[in-house]
Amino acid sequence: MASTFQVVCTPIGNLSDLTPRGKQALAEADVVLCEDTRKSAPLVAFAGGQGKLVSCHQHNELQRVDVVKERLDRGDKVCLITDAGAPAVSDPGGRLLEAVLDAGFAVEVLPGPSAITAVLMGAAMNTHPFSFVGFLPRRKSARERLLRAVAETGFALVAFEAPGRVPATLEDLHAVFGPRRVVVGRELTKHYETFHRGTLGGPLSPPLVEKGEFVIVVEAGAQERAVVDDPDEAARVLLEDDSLKPKARAKQLAELTGLSVGDAYALLERIRAEGAR
């Protein structure tokens, strides 16, 4: 009987972040596909697994398709992991997953640790909506095109970066985004986890230490809000929400309509009075 192909998130630094589902999957797996068998062996052992570790990286990913399909046809339990974080998210796995699905096998995703969500949780600034771009292109022209495309959206930017390249990348970001706030997350979930905070073009606090792994977040820019066509109807809808206090209701109506908070409050009072007649 064909088995399910499991895609498992792995810790990005702290082994204790392995989820119970992920631990069970690795413990029960007959085969674990991973980027580097030497790096993944301790994690599989930590989970109590004894399955065969098979390398699966960007250079041999498609060569593993037949092996995976054969194992799944046998009914074996097969897992896909990467060195850290989520397979197929700036890591190998996407092409293999596509081939497995095309072959008619089921895929089960076991979510878990992610450097993206970790840095957004600790950024303490406006990061909604955001655009994740992985590692930025090395070529200056391609990098600038990508950064300008994100800047035009007003979205926050989340990018991975390698040691030794962070200062130059921050300069490139400043040239495109201007003096937006920035956070550089270093060694997330590990002993030396640090959030270096500042403004593009200025110093970071604490000063940057270029050791470890990095995730950069640039704050979202100001965006124009859509203005509703019927302010009266928007006021009626907000008045039906008993959970909102008057000030919060007026502020929300102002954001939706473009009115000042005072005018929004007056409109709410008028609609309230009309409804009471």
C-alpha atoms as a PDB file:
ATOM      1  CA  MET A   1       0.000   0.000   0.000  1.00  0.00           C
ATOM      2  CA  ALA A   2       1.393   3.413  -0.985  1.00  0.00           C
ATOM      3  CA  SER A   3       2.487   5.598   1.898  1.00  0.00           C
ATOM      4  CA  THR A   4       2.387   9.357   2.494  1.00  0.00           C
ATOM      5  CA  PHE A   5       5.395  11.557   1.822  1.00  0.00           C
ATOM      6  CA  GLN A   6       5.971  13.740   4.893  1.00  0.00           C
ATOM      7  CA  VAL A   7       7.593  17.165   4.687  1.00  0.00           C
ATOM      8  CA  VAL A   8       8.957  18.050   8.106  1.00  0.00           C
ATOM      9  CA  CYS A   9      10.113  21.414   9.490  1.00  0.00           C
ATOM     10  CA  THR A  10      13.272  21.083  11.551  1.00  0.00           C
ATOM     11  CA  PRO A  11      14.734  23.326  14.284  1.00  0.00           C
ATOM     12  CA  ILE A  12      16.668  26.373  13.102  1.00  0.00           C
ATOM     13  CA  GLY A  13      19.064  26.135  16.018  1.00  0.00           C
ATOM     14  CA  ASN A  14      17.430  24.814  19.167  1.00  0.00           C
ATOM     15  CA  LEU A  15      16.702  21.083  19.041  1.00  0.00           C
ATOM     16  CA  SER A  16      13.931  21.506  21.615  1.00  0.00           C
ATOM     17  CA  ASP A  17      11.895  23.360  18.964  1.00  0.00           C
ATOM     18  CA  LEU A  18      11.283  20.119  17.070  1.00  0.00           C
ATOM     19  CA  THR A  19       7.503  19.635  17.227  1.00  0.00           C
ATOM     20  CA  PRO A  20       5.966  16.448  18.664  1.00  0.00           C
ATOM     21  CA  ARG A  21       4.590  15.562  15.218  1.00  0.00           C
ATOM     22  CA  GLY A  22       7.959  16.168  13.612  1.00  0.00           C
ATOM     23  CA  LYS A  23       9.702  14.071  16.227  1.00  0.00           C
ATOM     24  CA  GLN A  24       7.270  11.200  15.726  1.00  0.00           C
ATOM     25  CA  ALA A  25       7.664  11.376  11.945  1.00  0.00           C
ATOM     26  CA  LEU A  26      11.451  11.191  12.146  1.00  0.00           C
ATOM     27  CA  ALA A  27      11.283   8.423  14.735  1.00  0.00           C
ATOM     28  CA  GLU A  28       9.055   6.294  12.501  1.00  0.00           C
ATOM     29  CA  ALA A  29      10.619   7.092   9.118  1.00  0.00           C
ATOM     30  CA  ASP A  30      12.198   4.329   7.076  1.00  0.00           C
ATOM     31  CA  VAL A  31      13.956   6.909   4.917  1.00  0.00           C
ATOM     32  CA  VAL A  32      14.865  10.527   5.685  1.00  0.00           C
ATOM     33  CA  LEU A  33      15.921  12.738   2.797  1.00  0.00           C
ATOM     34  CA  CYS A  34      18.132  15.588   3.965  1.00  0.00           C
ATOM     35  CA  GLU A  35      20.572  18.151   2.582  1.00  0.00           C
ATOM     36  CA  ASP A  36      23.580  16.899   4.535  1.00  0.00           C
ATOM     37  CA  THR A  37      23.437  13.480   6.205  1.00  0.00           C
ATOM     38  CA  ARG A  38      26.175  14.450   8.665  1.00  0.00           C
ATOM     39  CA  LYS A  39      24.262  17.486   9.887  1.00  0.00           C
ATOM     40  CA  SER A  40      20.915  15.690  10.062  1.00  0.00           C
ATOM     41  CA  ALA A  41      22.120  12.524  11.790  1.00  0.00           C
ATOM     42  CA  PRO A  42      22.154  14.123  15.286  1.00  0.00           C
ATOM     43  CA  LEU A  43      18.597  15.441  14.809  1.00  0.00           C
ATOM     44  CA  VAL A  44      17.256  12.062  13.683  1.00  0.00           C
ATOM     45  CA  ALA A  45      19.026  10.404  16.614  1.00  0.00           C
ATOM     46  CA  PHE A  46      17.531  13.028  18.953  1.00  0.00           C
ATOM     47  CA  ALA A  47      14.076  12.052  17.662  1.00  0.00           C
ATOM     48  CA  GLY A  48      14.834   8.375  18.238  1.00  0.00           C
ATOM     49  CA  GLY A  49      14.883   7.557  14.538  1.00  0.00           C
ATOM     50  CA  GLN A  50      16.855   4.774  12.896  1.00  0.00           C
ATOM     51  CA  GLY A  51      15.807   5.241   9.278  1.00  0.00           C
ATOM     52  CA  LYS A  52      18.207   5.488   6.375  1.00  0.00           C
ATOM     53  CA  LEU A  53      19.499   9.001   5.689  1.00  0.00           C
ATOM     54  CA  VAL A  54      19.721   9.891   1.987  1.00  0.00           C
ATOM     55  CA  SER A  55      21.210  13.144   0.723  1.00  0.00           C
ATOM     56  CA  CYS A  56      18.836  15.398  -1.199  1.00  0.00           C
ATOM     57  CA  HIS A  57      20.211  18.807  -2.137  1.00  0.00           C
ATOM     58  CA  GLN A  58      19.908  21.283  -4.991  1.00  0.00           C
ATOM     59  CA  HIS A  59      22.308  19.305  -7.211  1.00  0.00           C
ATOM     60  CA  ASN A  60      20.724  15.850  -6.914  1.00  0.00           C
ATOM     61  CA  GLU A  61      17.098  16.575  -5.977  1.00  0.00           C
ATOM     62  CA  LEU A  62      15.571  15.208  -9.183  1.00  0.00           C
ATOM     63  CA  GLN A  63      17.799  12.127  -9.033  1.00  0.00           C
ATOM     64  CA  ARG A  64      16.025  11.127  -5.820  1.00  0.00           C
ATOM     65  CA  VAL A  65      12.553  10.994  -7.391  1.00  0.00           C
ATOM     66  CA  ASP A  66      12.704   7.328  -8.459  1.00  0.00           C
ATOM     67  CA  VAL A  67      14.086   6.241  -5.073  1.00  0.00           C
ATOM     68  CA  VAL A  68      11.301   8.062  -3.238  1.00  0.00           C
ATOM     69  CA  LYS A  69       8.549   6.676  -5.483  1.00  0.00           C
ATOM     70  CA  GLU A  70       9.907   3.136  -5.108  1.00  0.00           C
ATOM     71  CA  ARG A  71       9.987   3.439  -1.318  1.00  0.00           C
ATOM     72  CA  LEU A  72       6.499   4.930  -1.150  1.00  0.00           C
ATOM     73  CA  ASP A  73       5.153   2.154  -3.386  1.00  0.00           C
ATOM     74  CA  ARG A  74       6.546  -0.322  -0.874  1.00  0.00           C
ATOM     75  CA  GLY A  75       4.636   1.366   1.914  1.00  0.00           C
ATOM     76  CA  ASP A  76       7.739   2.807   3.535  1.00  0.00           C
ATOM     77  CA  LYS A  77       7.498   5.978   5.569  1.00  0.00           C
ATOM     78  CA  VAL A  78       9.544   8.688   3.851  1.00  0.00           C
ATOM     79  CA  CYS A  79      10.356  12.133   5.275  1.00  0.00           C
ATOM     80  CA  LEU A  80      11.929  15.187   3.690  1.00  0.00           C
ATOM     81  CA  ILE A  81      13.871  17.645   5.838  1.00  0.00           C
ATOM     82  CA  THR A  82      16.527  20.293   5.299  1.00  0.00           C
ATOM     83  CA  ASP A  83      19.472  21.369   7.435  1.00  0.00           C
ATOM     84  CA  ALA A  84      17.215  23.832   9.261  1.00  0.00           C
ATOM     85  CA  GLY A  85      13.713  25.193   8.853  1.00  0.00           C
ATOM     86  CA  ALA A  86      11.183  24.481   6.137  1.00  0.00           C
ATOM     87  CA  PRO A  87      11.908  22.321   3.080  1.00  0.00           C
ATOM     88  CA  ALA A  88      11.206  24.046  -0.250  1.00  0.00           C
ATOM     89  CA  VAL A  89      11.321  27.523   1.361  1.00  0.00           C
ATOM     90  CA  SER A  90      14.689  28.868   0.144  1.00  0.00           C
ATOM     91  CA  ASP A  91      15.848  25.271   0.545  1.00  0.00           C
ATOM     92  CA  PRO A  92      15.724  22.217  -1.732  1.00  0.00           C
ATOM     93  CA  GLY A  93      12.566  20.139  -1.958  1.00  0.00           C
ATOM     94  CA  GLY A  94      10.165  21.931  -4.269  1.00  0.00           C
ATOM     95  CA  ARG A  95      10.983  19.973  -7.420  1.00  0.00           C
ATOM     96  CA  LEU A  96      10.934  16.657  -5.560  1.00  0.00           C
ATOM     97  CA  LEU A  97       7.557  17.478  -4.025  1.00  0.00           C
ATOM     98  CA  GLU A  98       6.131  18.332  -7.422  1.00  0.00           C
ATOM     99  CA  ALA A  99       7.328  15.020  -8.854  1.00  0.00           C
ATOM    100  CA  VAL A 100       5.902  13.047  -5.923  1.00  0.00           C
ATOM    101  CA  LEU A 101       2.510  14.730  -6.310  1.00  0.00           C
ATOM    102  CA  ASP A 102       2.536  14.197 -10.076  1.00  0.00           C
ATOM    103  CA  ALA A 103       3.131  10.493  -9.414  1.00  0.00           C
ATOM    104  CA  GLY A 104      -0.117  10.381  -7.430  1.00  0.00           C
ATOM    105  CA  PHE A 105       1.267  10.137  -3.902  1.00  0.00           C
ATOM    106  CA  ALA A 106      -0.137  12.054  -0.947  1.00  0.00           C
ATOM    107  CA  VAL A 107       1.984  14.712   0.740  1.00  0.00           C
ATOM    108  CA  GLU A 108       1.633  15.672   4.393  1.00  0.00           C
ATOM    109  CA  VAL A 109       3.165  18.900   5.683  1.00  0.00           C
ATOM    110  CA  LEU A 110       4.352  19.044   9.295  1.00  0.00           C
ATOM    111  CA  PRO A 111       4.945  22.744  10.037  1.00  0.00           C
ATOM    112  CA  GLY A 112       7.268  24.023  12.698  1.00  0.00           C
ATOM    113  CA  PRO A 113      10.253  26.318  13.295  1.00  0.00           C
ATOM    114  CA  SER A 114      10.935  29.023  10.715  1.00  0.00           C
ATOM    115  CA  ALA A 115      13.481  31.826  10.661  1.00  0.00           C
ATOM    116  CA  ILE A 116      10.904  33.945   8.825  1.00  0.00           C
ATOM    117  CA  THR A 117       8.235  33.814  11.513  1.00  0.00           C
ATOM    118  CA  ALA A 118      10.842  33.978  14.289  1.00  0.00           C
ATOM    119  CA  VAL A 119      12.296  37.266  13.046  1.00  0.00           C
ATOM    120  CA  LEU A 120       8.852  38.761  12.379  1.00  0.00           C
ATOM    121  CA  MET A 121       7.745  37.871  15.902  1.00  0.00           C
ATOM    122  CA  GLY A 122      10.760  39.660  17.372  1.00  0.00           C
ATOM    123  CA  ALA A 123      10.953  42.604  14.970  1.00  0.00           C
ATOM    124  CA  ALA A 124       8.625  44.835  17.044  1.00  0.00           C
ATOM    125  CA  MET A 125       7.683  47.053  14.103  1.00  0.00           C
ATOM    126  CA  ASN A 126       5.142  47.207  11.277  1.00  0.00           C
ATOM    127  CA  THR A 127       5.710  44.090   9.166  1.00  0.00           C
ATOM    128  CA  HIS A 128       2.291  43.611   7.577  1.00  0.00           C
ATOM    129  CA  PRO A 129       2.094  42.843   4.776  1.00  0.00           C
ATOM    130  CA  PHE A 130       5.548  41.474   4.060  1.00  0.00           C
ATOM    131  CA  SER A 131       7.455  40.052   1.114  1.00  0.00           C
ATOM    132  CA  PHE A 132       9.908  37.204   1.672  1.00  0.00           C
ATOM    133  CA  VAL A 133      12.658  37.130  -0.963  1.00  0.00           C
ATOM    134  CA  GLY A 134      15.031  34.492   0.422  1.00  0.00           C
ATOM    135  CA  PHE A 135      18.691  35.204  -0.352  1.00  0.00           C
ATOM    136  CA  LEU A 136      19.045  38.329  -2.473  1.00  0.00           C
ATOM    137  CA  PRO A 137      20.621  37.968  -5.941  1.00  0.00           C
ATOM    138  CA  ARG A 138      24.378  38.383  -6.009  1.00  0.00           C
ATOM    139  CA  ARG A 139      24.350  40.448  -9.210  1.00  0.00           C
ATOM    140  CA  LYS A 140      23.875  44.116  -8.395  1.00  0.00           C
ATOM    141  CA  SER A 141      21.424  44.812 -11.239  1.00  0.00           C
ATOM    142  CA  ALA A 142      19.194  41.847 -10.367  1.00  0.00           C
ATOM    143  CA  ARG A 143      19.331  42.725  -6.681  1.00  0.00           C
ATOM    144  CA  GLU A 144      18.353  46.340  -7.327  1.00  0.00           C
ATOM    145  CA  ARG A 145      15.431  45.322  -9.558  1.00  0.00           C
ATOM    146  CA  LEU A 146      14.090  42.992  -6.891  1.00  0.00           C
ATOM    147  CA  LEU A 147      14.467  45.531  -4.080  1.00  0.00           C
ATOM    148  CA  ARG A 148      12.773  48.273  -6.087  1.00  0.00           C
ATOM    149  CA  ALA A 149       9.885  45.964  -6.923  1.00  0.00           C
ATOM    150  CA  VAL A 150       9.316  45.282  -3.210  1.00  0.00           C
ATOM    151  CA  ALA A 151       9.777  48.939  -2.253  1.00  0.00           C
ATOM    152  CA  GLU A 152       7.048  49.970  -4.712  1.00  0.00           C
ATOM    153  CA  THR A 153       4.546  47.701  -2.951  1.00  0.00           C
ATOM    154  CA  GLY A 154       5.120  49.315   0.427  1.00  0.00           C
ATOM    155  CA  PHE A 155       5.511  45.825   1.909  1.00  0.00           C
ATOM    156  CA  ALA A 156       7.998  44.950   4.617  1.00  0.00           C
ATOM    157  CA  LEU A 157      10.986  43.015   3.282  1.00  0.00           C
ATOM    158  CA  VAL A 158      12.310  39.783   4.794  1.00  0.00           C
ATOM    159  CA  ALA A 159      15.583  38.425   3.416  1.00  0.00           C
ATOM    160  CA  PHE A 160      18.244  35.917   4.377  1.00  0.00           C
ATOM    161  CA  GLU A 161      21.890  36.965   4.271  1.00  0.00           C
ATOM    162  CA  ALA A 162      25.269  35.307   4.748  1.00  0.00           C
ATOM    163  CA  PRO A 163      28.019  36.423   7.139  1.00  0.00           C
ATOM    164  CA  GLY A 164      30.347  38.988   5.629  1.00  0.00           C
ATOM    165  CA  ARG A 165      27.680  40.422   3.349  1.00  0.00           C
ATOM    166  CA  VAL A 166      25.328  42.093   5.829  1.00  0.00           C
ATOM    167  CA  PRO A 167      26.851  45.620   5.872  1.00  0.00           C
ATOM    168  CA  ALA A 168      26.903  45.819   2.060  1.00  0.00           C
ATOM    169  CA  THR A 169      23.325  44.546   1.904  1.00  0.00           C
ATOM    170  CA  LEU A 170      22.191  47.165   4.416  1.00  0.00           C
ATOM    171  CA  GLU A 171      23.762  49.837   2.203  1.00  0.00           C
ATOM    172  CA  ASP A 172      21.882  48.499  -0.823  1.00  0.00           C
ATOM    173  CA  LEU A 173      18.647  48.463   1.171  1.00  0.00           C
ATOM    174  CA  HIS A 174      19.182  52.053   2.290  1.00  0.00           C
ATOM    175  CA  ALA A 175      19.750  53.165  -1.311  1.00  0.00           C
ATOM    176  CA  VAL A 176      16.361  51.757  -2.313  1.00  0.00           C
ATOM    177  CA  PHE A 177      14.148  52.001   0.783  1.00  0.00           C
ATOM    178  CA  GLY A 178      15.598  55.139   2.364  1.00  0.00           C
ATOM    179  CA  PRO A 179      15.660  55.574   6.158  1.00  0.00           C
ATOM    180  CA  ARG A 180      13.152  52.878   7.077  1.00  0.00           C
ATOM    181  CA  ARG A 181      13.552  50.973  10.327  1.00  0.00           C
ATOM    182  CA  VAL A 182      15.446  47.707  10.067  1.00  0.00           C
ATOM    183  CA  VAL A 183      16.054  44.669  12.256  1.00  0.00           C
ATOM    184  CA  VAL A 184      18.814  42.132  11.702  1.00  0.00           C
ATOM    185  CA  GLY A 185      18.070  38.863  13.490  1.00  0.00           C
ATOM    186  CA  ARG A 186      21.213  36.866  14.241  1.00  0.00           C
ATOM    187  CA  GLU A 187      21.479  33.232  15.384  1.00  0.00           C
ATOM    188  CA  LEU A 188      17.728  32.971  15.981  1.00  0.00           C
ATOM    189  CA  THR A 189      16.687  30.444  18.679  1.00  0.00           C
ATOM    190  CA  LYS A 190      20.353  29.801  19.520  1.00  0.00           C
ATOM    191  CA  HIS A 191      22.420  30.813  22.559  1.00  0.00           C
ATOM    192  CA  TYR A 192      23.632  34.071  20.967  1.00  0.00           C
ATOM    193  CA  GLU A 193      20.281  35.110  19.480  1.00  0.00           C
ATOM    194  CA  THR A 194      20.347  38.887  18.941  1.00  0.00           C
ATOM    195  CA  PHE A 195      18.023  41.411  17.364  1.00  0.00           C
ATOM    196  CA  HIS A 196      20.114  44.297  16.018  1.00  0.00           C
ATOM    197  CA  ARG A 197      17.775  47.277  15.600  1.00  0.00           C
ATOM    198  CA  GLY A 198      18.163  50.603  13.875  1.00  0.00           C
ATOM    199  CA  THR A 199      17.345  52.676  10.804  1.00  0.00           C
ATOM    200  CA  LEU A 200      18.753  52.061   7.342  1.00  0.00           C
ATOM    201  CA  GLY A 201      21.677  54.411   6.861  1.00  0.00           C
ATOM    202  CA  GLY A 202      22.417  54.548  10.584  1.00  0.00           C
ATOM    203  CA  PRO A 203      24.034  52.395  13.269  1.00  0.00           C
ATOM    204  CA  LEU A 204      22.473  49.259  14.712  1.00  0.00           C
ATOM    205  CA  SER A 205      21.969  48.609  18.405  1.00  0.00           C
ATOM    206  CA  PRO A 206      23.629  46.528  19.622  1.00  0.00           C
ATOM    207  CA  PRO A 207      26.402  46.831  17.032  1.00  0.00           C
ATOM    208  CA  LEU A 208      26.383  44.081  14.433  1.00  0.00           C
ATOM    209  CA  VAL A 209      28.489  40.984  15.062  1.00  0.00           C
ATOM    210  CA  GLU A 210      29.097  39.177  11.785  1.00  0.00           C
ATOM    211  CA  LYS A 211      29.017  35.627  13.037  1.00  0.00           C
ATOM    212  CA  GLY A 212      26.260  33.103  12.506  1.00  0.00           C
ATOM    213  CA  GLU A 213      23.143  33.207  10.350  1.00  0.00           C
ATOM    214  CA  PHE A 214      21.160  36.338   9.557  1.00  0.00           C
ATOM    215  CA  VAL A 215      17.623  37.384   8.650  1.00  0.00           C
ATOM    216  CA  ILE A 216      16.983  41.022   7.725  1.00  0.00           C
ATOM    217  CA  VAL A 217      13.623  42.781   8.078  1.00  0.00           C
ATOM    218  CA  VAL A 218      12.898  46.220   6.645  1.00  0.00           C
ATOM    219  CA  GLU A 219       9.751  47.860   8.008  1.00  0.00           C
ATOM    220  CA  ALA A 220       6.691  48.210   5.795  1.00  0.00           C
ATOM    221  CA  GLY A 221       6.246  51.620   4.222  1.00  0.00           C
ATOM    222  CA  ALA A 222       3.221  53.861   4.484  1.00  0.00           C
ATOM    223  CA  GLN A 223       0.434  52.695   2.215  1.00  0.00           C
ATOM    224  CA  GLU A 224      -2.692  54.445   1.055  1.00  0.00           C
ATOM    225  CA  ARG A 225      -5.809  52.912   2.519  1.00  0.00           C
ATOM    226  CA  ALA A 226      -8.774  52.117   0.342  1.00  0.00           C
ATOM    227  CA  VAL A 227     -11.622  54.547   0.929  1.00  0.00           C
ATOM    228  CA  VAL A 228     -15.104  53.026   1.128  1.00  0.00           C
ATOM    229  CA  ASP A 229     -17.754  54.266  -1.293  1.00  0.00           C
ATOM    230  CA  ASP A 230     -20.512  54.665   1.312  1.00  0.00           C
ATOM    231  CA  PRO A 231     -19.382  56.167   4.652  1.00  0.00           C
ATOM    232  CA  ASP A 232     -22.917  55.949   6.070  1.00  0.00           C
ATOM    233  CA  GLU A 233     -23.084  52.204   5.444  1.00  0.00           C
ATOM    234  CA  ALA A 234     -19.620  51.729   6.947  1.00  0.00           C
ATOM    235  CA  ALA A 235     -20.821  53.584  10.045  1.00  0.00           C
ATOM    236  CA  ARG A 236     -23.902  51.340  10.308  1.00  0.00           C
ATOM    237  CA  VAL A 237     -21.735  48.207  10.107  1.00  0.00           C
ATOM    238  CA  LEU A 238     -19.359  49.460  12.782  1.00  0.00           C
ATOM    239  CA  LEU A 239     -22.240  50.414  15.094  1.00  0.00           C
ATOM    240  CA  GLU A 240     -23.397  46.803  14.984  1.00  0.00           C
ATOM    241  CA  ASP A 241     -20.071  45.690  16.515  1.00  0.00           C
ATOM    242  CA  ASP A 242     -20.667  45.930  20.258  1.00  0.00           C
ATOM    243  CA  SER A 243     -17.065  44.958  21.004  1.00  0.00           C
ATOM    244  CA  LEU A 244     -15.776  48.335  19.783  1.00  0.00           C
ATOM    245  CA  LYS A 245     -15.499  51.275  22.143  1.00  0.00           C
ATOM    246  CA  PRO A 246     -16.597  54.685  20.755  1.00  0.00           C
ATOM    247  CA  LYS A 247     -13.048  55.987  20.216  1.00  0.00           C
ATOM    248  CA  ALA A 248     -11.919  52.783  18.524  1.00  0.00           C
ATOM    249  CA  ARG A 249     -15.043  52.777  16.341  1.00  0.00           C
ATOM    250  CA  ALA A 250     -14.457  56.390  15.265  1.00  0.00           C
ATOM    251  CA  LYS A 251     -10.793  55.727  14.525  1.00  0.00           C
ATOM    252  CA  GLN A 252     -11.620  52.680  12.421  1.00  0.00           C
ATOM    253  CA  LEU A 253     -14.269  54.602  10.476  1.00  0.00           C
ATOM    254  CA  ALA A 254     -11.772  57.402   9.853  1.00  0.00           C
ATOM    255  CA  GLU A 255      -9.284  54.899   8.445  1.00  0.00           C
ATOM    256  CA  LEU A 256     -11.931  53.378   6.177  1.00  0.00           C
ATOM    257  CA  THR A 257     -13.345  56.630   4.854  1.00  0.00           C
ATOM    258  CA  GLY A 258     -10.531  59.166   4.949  1.00  0.00           C
ATOM    259  CA  LEU A 259     -12.516  61.374   7.347  1.00  0.00           C
ATOM    260  CA  SER A 260     -10.914  62.988  10.362  1.00  0.00           C
ATOM    261  CA  VAL A 261     -11.560  61.172  13.642  1.00  0.00           C
ATOM    262  CA  GLY A 262     -13.801  64.052  14.752  1.00  0.00           C
ATOM    263  CA  ASP A 263     -15.885  63.914  11.590  1.00  0.00           C
ATOM    264  CA  ALA A 264     -16.091  60.132  11.829  1.00  0.00           C
ATOM    265  CA  TYR A 265     -17.346  60.403  15.414  1.00  0.00           C
ATOM    266  CA  ALA A 266     -20.005  62.951  14.317  1.00  0.00           C
ATOM    267  CA  LEU A 267     -21.102  60.649  11.485  1.00  0.00           C
ATOM    268  CA  LEU A 268     -21.442  57.721  13.888  1.00  0.00           C
ATOM    269  CA  GLU A 269     -23.553  59.827  16.243  1.00  0.00           C
ATOM    270  CA  ARG A 270     -25.801  60.901  13.368  1.00  0.00           C
ATOM    271  CA  ILE A 271     -26.320  57.330  12.140  1.00  0.00           C
ATOM    272  CA  ARG A 272     -26.942  56.194  15.726  1.00  0.00           C
ATOM    273  CA  ALA A 273     -29.579  58.903  16.193  1.00  0.00           C
ATOM    274  CA  GLU A 274     -31.290  58.029  12.922  1.00  0.00           C
ATOM    275  CA  GLY A 275     -31.481  54.419  13.936  1.00  0.00           C
ATOM    276  CA  ALA A 276     -33.087  55.315  17.240  1.00  0.00           C
ATOM    277  CA  ARG A 277     -36.014  57.166  15.601  1.00  0.00           C
END
